N, C-alpha and C. Protein backbone atom coordinates (compact mmCIF):
# COMPACT_ATOMS: atom_id res chain seq x y z
N MET A 1 157.93 82.20 161.87
CA MET A 1 158.89 81.88 162.84
C MET A 1 160.22 82.54 162.53
N LYS A 2 160.77 83.33 163.36
CA LYS A 2 162.06 84.18 163.09
C LYS A 2 163.37 83.44 163.67
N ILE A 3 163.54 82.17 163.13
CA ILE A 3 164.58 81.42 163.68
C ILE A 3 166.10 81.92 163.24
N LEU A 4 166.11 82.78 162.34
CA LEU A 4 167.36 83.38 161.98
C LEU A 4 167.53 84.91 162.37
N GLU A 5 166.69 85.31 163.36
CA GLU A 5 166.78 86.66 163.74
C GLU A 5 168.17 87.00 164.35
N GLY A 6 168.82 88.11 163.89
CA GLY A 6 170.12 88.44 164.32
C GLY A 6 171.25 87.82 163.48
N LYS A 7 170.89 87.03 162.53
CA LYS A 7 171.94 86.48 161.58
C LYS A 7 171.95 87.38 160.35
N THR A 8 173.04 87.30 159.72
CA THR A 8 173.30 87.98 158.35
C THR A 8 173.60 86.90 157.32
N ALA A 9 172.87 86.92 156.23
CA ALA A 9 173.24 86.00 155.08
C ALA A 9 173.80 86.79 153.94
N LEU A 10 174.63 86.29 153.22
CA LEU A 10 175.25 86.90 152.05
C LEU A 10 174.93 85.94 150.97
N ILE A 11 174.10 86.21 149.86
CA ILE A 11 173.71 85.42 148.80
C ILE A 11 174.17 85.98 147.48
N THR A 12 174.86 85.27 146.78
CA THR A 12 175.26 85.66 145.39
C THR A 12 174.24 85.43 144.40
N GLY A 13 174.19 86.28 143.40
CA GLY A 13 173.14 86.03 142.28
C GLY A 13 171.81 85.95 142.77
N ALA A 14 171.28 86.96 143.60
CA ALA A 14 169.91 86.85 144.26
C ALA A 14 169.09 87.84 143.58
N SER A 15 169.24 88.43 142.45
CA SER A 15 168.24 89.47 142.01
C SER A 15 167.12 88.62 141.24
N ARG A 16 167.33 87.42 141.01
CA ARG A 16 166.25 86.63 140.29
C ARG A 16 166.28 85.14 140.70
N GLY A 17 165.30 84.38 140.24
CA GLY A 17 165.46 82.89 140.32
C GLY A 17 165.61 82.37 141.77
N ILE A 18 166.43 81.36 141.86
CA ILE A 18 166.50 80.62 143.07
C ILE A 18 167.04 81.60 144.12
N GLY A 19 168.16 82.37 143.77
CA GLY A 19 168.73 83.27 144.66
C GLY A 19 167.74 84.23 145.43
N GLN A 20 166.87 84.75 144.51
CA GLN A 20 165.85 85.61 145.07
C GLN A 20 164.95 84.84 145.96
N GLY A 21 164.56 83.67 145.59
CA GLY A 21 163.68 82.86 146.47
C GLY A 21 164.28 82.53 147.80
N VAL A 22 165.53 82.18 147.77
CA VAL A 22 166.32 82.09 149.08
C VAL A 22 166.37 83.28 149.95
N ALA A 23 166.65 84.45 149.29
CA ALA A 23 166.69 85.72 149.99
C ALA A 23 165.40 85.98 150.60
N ARG A 24 164.26 85.75 149.91
CA ARG A 24 162.91 86.02 150.56
C ARG A 24 162.69 85.09 151.75
N LEU A 25 162.94 83.81 151.59
CA LEU A 25 162.84 82.87 152.62
C LEU A 25 163.65 83.17 153.83
N LEU A 26 165.02 83.67 153.70
CA LEU A 26 165.74 83.86 154.85
C LEU A 26 165.28 85.18 155.53
N ALA A 27 164.81 86.14 154.71
CA ALA A 27 164.24 87.36 155.30
C ALA A 27 162.95 87.04 156.10
N GLU A 28 162.07 86.25 155.58
CA GLU A 28 160.99 85.77 156.34
C GLU A 28 161.23 85.17 157.61
N ARG A 29 162.46 84.45 157.75
CA ARG A 29 162.82 83.78 158.84
C ARG A 29 163.68 84.66 159.82
N GLY A 30 163.80 85.95 159.42
CA GLY A 30 164.40 86.92 160.31
C GLY A 30 165.80 87.32 159.96
N ALA A 31 166.50 86.67 159.00
CA ALA A 31 167.93 87.02 158.63
C ALA A 31 168.01 88.35 157.89
N ASN A 32 168.98 89.14 158.24
CA ASN A 32 169.36 90.26 157.39
C ASN A 32 169.97 89.78 156.20
N VAL A 33 169.75 90.35 155.09
CA VAL A 33 170.25 89.83 153.82
C VAL A 33 171.03 90.77 152.92
N ALA A 34 172.21 90.33 152.71
CA ALA A 34 173.05 91.13 151.77
C ALA A 34 173.10 90.15 150.57
N PHE A 35 172.98 90.86 149.30
CA PHE A 35 172.94 89.97 148.10
C PHE A 35 173.69 90.73 147.07
N THR A 36 174.08 89.85 146.06
CA THR A 36 174.82 90.43 144.93
C THR A 36 173.95 90.28 143.65
N TYR A 37 174.12 91.21 142.71
CA TYR A 37 173.68 91.21 141.34
C TYR A 37 174.75 91.75 140.44
N LEU A 38 174.66 91.40 139.22
CA LEU A 38 175.63 91.71 138.30
C LEU A 38 175.05 92.83 137.23
N SER A 39 173.82 92.78 136.92
CA SER A 39 173.36 93.62 135.80
C SER A 39 172.09 94.50 136.15
N SER A 40 171.11 94.05 136.79
CA SER A 40 169.91 94.76 136.87
C SER A 40 169.76 95.48 138.25
N GLU A 41 170.17 96.76 138.20
CA GLU A 41 170.06 97.57 139.42
C GLU A 41 168.58 97.79 139.81
N GLU A 42 167.76 97.92 138.83
CA GLU A 42 166.36 98.07 139.20
C GLU A 42 165.76 96.86 139.95
N LYS A 43 166.03 95.72 139.48
CA LYS A 43 165.62 94.44 140.19
C LYS A 43 166.26 94.33 141.54
N ALA A 44 167.41 94.75 141.68
CA ALA A 44 168.05 94.78 143.03
C ALA A 44 167.43 95.74 143.91
N ARG A 45 167.18 96.87 143.52
CA ARG A 45 166.47 97.90 144.32
C ARG A 45 164.98 97.33 144.87
N ILE A 46 164.42 96.77 143.82
CA ILE A 46 162.99 96.20 144.10
C ILE A 46 163.09 95.20 145.23
N LEU A 47 164.02 94.23 145.08
CA LEU A 47 164.28 93.13 146.01
C LEU A 47 164.70 93.69 147.41
N GLU A 48 165.46 94.72 147.46
CA GLU A 48 165.86 95.41 148.67
C GLU A 48 164.60 95.83 149.40
N GLU A 49 163.86 96.64 148.62
CA GLU A 49 162.54 97.11 149.21
C GLU A 49 161.64 96.04 149.75
N SER A 50 161.58 95.03 148.90
CA SER A 50 160.72 93.90 149.34
C SER A 50 161.10 93.16 150.56
N LEU A 51 162.46 92.85 150.58
CA LEU A 51 162.99 92.20 151.72
C LEU A 51 162.92 93.11 153.02
N SER A 52 163.04 94.37 152.82
CA SER A 52 163.02 95.31 154.04
C SER A 52 161.69 95.27 154.61
N GLU A 53 160.62 95.02 153.85
CA GLU A 53 159.22 94.92 154.36
C GLU A 53 159.01 93.86 155.34
N SER A 54 160.00 92.83 155.26
CA SER A 54 159.95 91.80 156.28
C SER A 54 160.45 92.22 157.58
N GLY A 55 160.96 93.50 157.74
CA GLY A 55 161.52 93.98 159.01
C GLY A 55 163.01 93.65 159.23
N VAL A 56 163.63 93.26 158.15
CA VAL A 56 165.11 92.99 158.20
C VAL A 56 165.93 94.07 157.42
N LYS A 57 167.20 94.02 157.67
CA LYS A 57 168.10 94.91 156.81
C LYS A 57 168.44 94.10 155.59
N ALA A 58 168.23 94.83 154.53
CA ALA A 58 168.57 94.22 153.20
C ALA A 58 169.31 95.15 152.28
N LYS A 59 170.33 94.69 151.63
CA LYS A 59 171.10 95.58 150.75
C LYS A 59 171.73 94.78 149.59
N GLY A 60 171.54 95.30 148.33
CA GLY A 60 172.12 94.71 147.23
C GLY A 60 173.47 95.30 146.91
N TYR A 61 174.37 94.53 146.33
CA TYR A 61 175.68 94.95 145.88
C TYR A 61 176.00 94.58 144.55
N LYS A 62 176.40 95.52 143.68
CA LYS A 62 176.80 95.16 142.32
C LYS A 62 178.23 94.49 142.49
N SER A 63 178.33 93.27 142.06
CA SER A 63 179.72 92.66 142.30
C SER A 63 179.80 91.44 141.35
N ASP A 64 181.10 91.19 140.89
CA ASP A 64 181.32 90.02 140.07
C ASP A 64 182.21 89.20 140.94
N ALA A 65 181.63 88.16 141.59
CA ALA A 65 182.35 87.31 142.51
C ALA A 65 183.31 86.44 141.78
N SER A 66 183.27 86.37 140.53
CA SER A 66 184.35 85.60 139.87
C SER A 66 185.73 86.27 139.82
N VAL A 67 185.69 87.51 140.21
CA VAL A 67 187.01 88.30 140.31
C VAL A 67 187.33 88.37 141.77
N PHE A 68 188.53 87.80 142.08
CA PHE A 68 188.86 87.68 143.56
C PHE A 68 188.84 88.92 144.25
N ALA A 69 189.37 89.97 143.74
CA ALA A 69 189.43 91.27 144.37
C ALA A 69 188.07 91.89 144.62
N GLU A 70 187.23 91.56 143.83
CA GLU A 70 185.83 92.10 143.97
C GLU A 70 185.06 91.25 145.07
N ALA A 71 185.32 89.90 145.16
CA ALA A 71 184.90 89.14 146.23
C ALA A 71 185.33 89.68 147.57
N GLU A 72 186.66 89.94 147.65
CA GLU A 72 187.23 90.40 148.88
C GLU A 72 186.61 91.73 149.27
N ALA A 73 186.54 92.64 148.28
CA ALA A 73 185.88 93.92 148.54
C ALA A 73 184.41 93.92 148.99
N LEU A 74 183.71 93.00 148.44
CA LEU A 74 182.38 92.75 148.78
C LEU A 74 182.20 92.29 150.15
N VAL A 75 183.04 91.35 150.65
CA VAL A 75 183.01 90.86 152.01
C VAL A 75 183.30 91.91 153.05
N ALA A 76 184.31 92.68 152.65
CA ALA A 76 184.73 93.81 153.51
C ALA A 76 183.55 94.73 153.58
N GLN A 77 182.82 95.08 152.60
CA GLN A 77 181.85 96.07 152.54
C GLN A 77 180.58 95.54 153.34
N VAL A 78 180.33 94.34 153.20
CA VAL A 78 179.19 93.72 153.96
C VAL A 78 179.50 93.59 155.37
N MET A 79 180.78 93.31 155.83
CA MET A 79 181.11 93.32 157.13
C MET A 79 180.98 94.75 157.73
N GLU A 80 181.36 95.80 157.03
CA GLU A 80 181.28 97.07 157.48
C GLU A 80 179.81 97.53 157.51
N ASP A 81 178.98 97.00 156.64
CA ASP A 81 177.62 97.45 156.61
C ASP A 81 176.72 96.66 157.68
N PHE A 82 177.03 95.40 157.78
CA PHE A 82 176.13 94.52 158.59
C PHE A 82 176.85 94.14 159.96
N GLY A 83 178.12 94.20 160.01
CA GLY A 83 178.88 93.83 161.15
C GLY A 83 179.20 92.33 161.29
N GLN A 84 178.66 91.46 160.40
CA GLN A 84 178.89 89.97 160.58
C GLN A 84 178.35 89.44 159.26
N ILE A 85 178.81 88.13 158.98
CA ILE A 85 178.31 87.29 157.92
C ILE A 85 178.24 85.93 158.56
N ASP A 86 176.97 85.53 158.76
CA ASP A 86 176.83 84.15 159.45
C ASP A 86 176.52 83.05 158.45
N ILE A 87 176.06 83.45 157.18
CA ILE A 87 175.63 82.43 156.24
C ILE A 87 176.10 83.02 154.82
N LEU A 88 176.77 82.28 154.14
CA LEU A 88 177.12 82.45 152.71
C LEU A 88 176.46 81.54 151.80
N ILE A 89 175.68 81.96 150.90
CA ILE A 89 175.10 81.03 149.86
C ILE A 89 175.71 81.31 148.56
N ASN A 90 176.47 80.57 147.99
CA ASN A 90 177.05 80.63 146.72
C ASN A 90 176.12 80.22 145.64
N ASN A 91 175.22 81.10 145.17
CA ASN A 91 174.24 80.82 144.34
C ASN A 91 174.40 81.22 142.82
N ALA A 92 175.34 82.15 142.68
CA ALA A 92 175.56 82.74 141.33
C ALA A 92 175.95 81.68 140.48
N GLY A 93 175.30 81.68 139.25
CA GLY A 93 175.74 80.68 138.21
C GLY A 93 175.00 81.08 136.84
N ILE A 94 175.72 80.56 135.79
CA ILE A 94 175.22 80.73 134.40
C ILE A 94 175.14 79.48 133.72
N THR A 95 174.40 79.39 132.68
CA THR A 95 174.41 78.13 131.82
C THR A 95 174.62 78.50 130.40
N ARG A 96 175.30 77.65 129.69
CA ARG A 96 175.48 77.86 128.27
C ARG A 96 175.15 76.48 127.63
N ASP A 97 173.99 76.14 127.87
CA ASP A 97 173.56 74.80 127.43
C ASP A 97 173.58 74.64 125.80
N THR A 98 174.29 73.58 125.48
CA THR A 98 174.38 73.18 124.18
C THR A 98 175.19 71.81 124.02
N LEU A 99 175.12 71.21 123.00
CA LEU A 99 175.87 70.02 122.78
C LEU A 99 177.33 70.41 122.97
N LEU A 100 178.18 69.51 123.53
CA LEU A 100 179.60 69.74 123.78
C LEU A 100 180.34 70.14 122.42
N MET A 101 179.90 69.53 121.40
CA MET A 101 180.57 69.74 120.18
C MET A 101 180.29 71.06 119.60
N ARG A 102 179.19 71.78 120.11
CA ARG A 102 178.91 73.13 119.64
C ARG A 102 179.36 74.20 120.63
N MET A 103 179.71 73.78 121.84
CA MET A 103 180.19 74.72 122.80
C MET A 103 181.63 75.32 122.55
N SER A 104 181.67 76.62 122.58
CA SER A 104 182.94 77.26 122.47
C SER A 104 183.81 77.18 123.62
N GLU A 105 185.17 77.31 123.48
CA GLU A 105 185.93 77.36 124.72
C GLU A 105 185.69 78.50 125.58
N GLU A 106 185.35 79.63 124.92
CA GLU A 106 185.03 80.85 125.69
C GLU A 106 183.72 80.71 126.59
N ASP A 107 182.74 80.03 125.98
CA ASP A 107 181.47 79.63 126.85
C ASP A 107 181.91 78.81 128.01
N TRP A 108 182.65 77.73 127.70
CA TRP A 108 183.06 76.76 128.74
C TRP A 108 183.76 77.61 129.98
N ASP A 109 184.85 78.44 129.48
CA ASP A 109 185.60 79.21 130.40
C ASP A 109 184.69 80.10 131.26
N GLN A 110 183.72 80.74 130.54
CA GLN A 110 182.80 81.60 131.27
C GLN A 110 182.00 80.92 132.34
N VAL A 111 181.44 79.80 131.97
CA VAL A 111 180.73 78.85 132.96
C VAL A 111 181.52 78.55 134.15
N MET A 112 182.81 78.10 133.95
CA MET A 112 183.76 77.73 134.95
C MET A 112 184.01 78.90 135.81
N GLN A 113 184.19 80.08 135.25
CA GLN A 113 184.57 81.27 136.00
C GLN A 113 183.48 81.71 136.89
N VAL A 114 182.26 81.66 136.48
CA VAL A 114 181.08 82.19 137.20
C VAL A 114 180.66 81.17 138.22
N ASN A 115 180.53 79.89 137.70
CA ASN A 115 179.96 78.85 138.67
C ASN A 115 180.91 78.26 139.63
N LEU A 116 182.20 78.13 139.34
CA LEU A 116 183.16 77.52 140.19
C LEU A 116 184.06 78.54 140.91
N LYS A 117 184.64 79.45 140.13
CA LYS A 117 185.62 80.40 140.72
C LYS A 117 184.96 81.35 141.69
N SER A 118 183.71 81.88 141.34
CA SER A 118 183.14 82.72 142.35
C SER A 118 182.81 82.01 143.67
N ALA A 119 182.52 80.71 143.61
CA ALA A 119 182.30 79.92 144.93
C ALA A 119 183.59 79.90 145.69
N PHE A 120 184.60 79.59 145.03
CA PHE A 120 185.93 79.61 145.71
C PHE A 120 186.27 81.00 146.18
N ASN A 121 186.08 81.97 145.45
CA ASN A 121 186.46 83.36 145.80
C ASN A 121 185.67 83.89 147.08
N LEU A 122 184.40 83.66 147.10
CA LEU A 122 183.56 84.02 148.08
C LEU A 122 183.87 83.35 149.37
N THR A 123 184.00 81.97 149.21
CA THR A 123 184.24 81.16 150.38
C THR A 123 185.59 81.56 151.02
N LYS A 124 186.58 81.73 150.25
CA LYS A 124 187.94 82.18 150.77
C LYS A 124 187.78 83.46 151.51
N ALA A 125 186.97 84.44 150.88
CA ALA A 125 186.85 85.79 151.59
C ALA A 125 186.09 85.86 152.85
N VAL A 126 185.14 84.91 152.96
CA VAL A 126 184.33 84.87 154.22
C VAL A 126 185.06 84.08 155.27
N LEU A 127 186.03 83.29 155.06
CA LEU A 127 186.56 82.31 156.04
C LEU A 127 187.09 83.12 157.26
N ARG A 128 187.91 84.20 156.95
CA ARG A 128 188.52 84.85 158.11
C ARG A 128 187.50 85.42 159.09
N PRO A 129 186.48 86.07 158.60
CA PRO A 129 185.49 86.69 159.64
C PRO A 129 184.67 85.54 160.24
N MET A 130 184.36 84.41 159.44
CA MET A 130 183.66 83.34 160.24
C MET A 130 184.57 82.67 161.16
N LEU A 131 185.89 82.34 160.87
CA LEU A 131 186.65 81.71 161.81
C LEU A 131 186.86 82.62 163.10
N LYS A 132 187.09 83.89 162.87
CA LYS A 132 187.13 84.84 163.93
C LYS A 132 185.90 84.81 164.86
N ALA A 133 184.72 84.77 164.26
CA ALA A 133 183.54 84.67 165.01
C ALA A 133 183.17 83.29 165.57
N ARG A 134 183.92 82.25 165.03
CA ARG A 134 183.81 80.93 165.51
C ARG A 134 182.32 80.40 165.17
N ASN A 135 181.82 80.83 163.92
CA ASN A 135 180.56 80.64 163.64
C ASN A 135 180.43 80.94 162.08
N GLY A 136 179.52 80.18 161.48
CA GLY A 136 179.29 80.36 160.11
C GLY A 136 178.84 79.06 159.34
N SER A 137 178.04 79.32 158.27
CA SER A 137 177.58 78.18 157.42
C SER A 137 177.81 78.71 156.03
N ILE A 138 178.31 77.72 155.16
CA ILE A 138 178.61 78.04 153.77
C ILE A 138 177.78 77.04 152.98
N ILE A 139 176.93 77.55 152.08
CA ILE A 139 176.11 76.51 151.17
C ILE A 139 176.49 76.90 149.72
N ASN A 140 176.88 75.77 149.09
CA ASN A 140 177.25 75.95 147.68
C ASN A 140 176.09 75.27 146.86
């Protein structure tokens, strides 16, 4: 069932794990998929090809959403390439699991930067086009 046909989703951190699963599901449901990755261009290329086989437009963007300027540039590029963003899924995240007494301040800061600041940055960046379109869903 193509219930998302004509919609465009932007998914952060989709080159593996939950993000990749969400990207595949949305493509199967007919959504065009823009997704971000940070390190593996090869995995991103493979995912692009795989999603495109579902008959949708798919494109990966190397981007660090924890940097506000990169989040803004990403949204601008996705808008240029796809014409719209109907769904934002803030999925990018890292873990530095350890006992708190062993966790360094740098590890804590990195987790907060990636897991929280990136969600803020991308949400803020997509608000203007979504409000202009009077449509949009944001999933954190």
